[in-house]
Amino acid sequence: MTKAVCGAILAIILFAVAAPRLGRRLPPSLAARLLVPASLVTAASTVFVLGALAFTWLGQLPVISAIGAWSGSRLDASDPVPDPVAAVSLALLGVVTVWTILRIVRSGRGLLSLYRIHRDLPSTDSVIVIDSTRLDAFATPAPAGRVVITSGLLRVLTATERRVVLAHEQSHVAHRHAFWTLAADLAAAVNPLLRPTATTIGHVIERWADEDAADLLGDRQLVARTIARAALLRHESQVTASGLLPAATGGDVPGRVRALLAPPPRRRPLALVALAVLLAAGALATVAVEQTSDRLFDHAALHTIDIRHFPDGHATREAIHTPR
């Protein structure tokens, strides 16, 4: 089992290291659509590997082995994983579970608060203007996804710049970007090694909306100038963005501006293949851990032999527990 576990851990680490760089080399929409599911799969692999190590160790306890109908001593003899490693895996699994639950509760409360705040706004309007001096614009998540912009920001932007900001935010609403970001954050809560990947996902989601705005308006430099100016105005007004809400001034603004001043992104087959190989390696390594764990428990399992017809003359059925 040690080899399978080491292979799975190596695949998880390689993905965590390489995914952020590969994601930034892919077109933003494609990067987001690939990195989010891949992060969730990697997070699930992390939980499964920790669970396999912890349960193999717990399965050696007499109470657990009696319930599972396998030999604890035989499982102990067949399991090459050191007890300290299994104990640490159990502790990490507990920490991951608690932290993920807290993160889910926190995000759920944040989304519920947003729904309560904006539920009384006109349901037929896709753009809501709030009378406020704050310089802010953001997209609320589905199912009532709408663009919210303050009157303060509208006053300082030109008519063309307003179109850029609204196009950017409408892209967030149309593609439900808030939930993509939430999924990436949950994956990073399960496996902290995925935090850089979650940060990259937040960046490429903003880049996705930038490219949609540039395609709609047909002027990449205009979008770049507007994003830079809106971010500067927001910084000067000391507005803090919510992590739950995609906003035109979120993410790596200098990187977004540089990308908009460059030609449109193109597909990079090598980066796509590399990401696919990393994901496949992680999935295969996790399957190997599952199969190895199954073999260990099958080897230690107990079964009943019916000896009614043995030639020694016994006429009753006796339960004999024998390791397979």
Foldseek 3Di string as FASTA:
>chain_A
DVVLLVLLVVLLLVCLVQLLVLLVQFQLVVSLVQLLVLLLLSLVLLLLSLVLLQVLLVCLDPVNCVVVQFHSVLSVVVDPDDPVVNVVSVVLSVQLVVLLVVLVVVVVVVLVVVCVVCVPPDQVDQEAEAADLAAFWWWRAPPSTHIYGYPNNVVVDDPVLVLLQRQLRVLCHVVRLLVSLSSQVSSCSSPVSNPSVSLSSLQSSLLVSLVRSCVVVVALLSSLVSLVVSLVVNVVSVDDDDSSIRGSNDHDSVVSSVQSVDPRRDGDVVSVVVSVVSSVSSVVSSVVSVVVSVVSRLQRHWDFDFCCPPVPPDNDGDGDTDGD
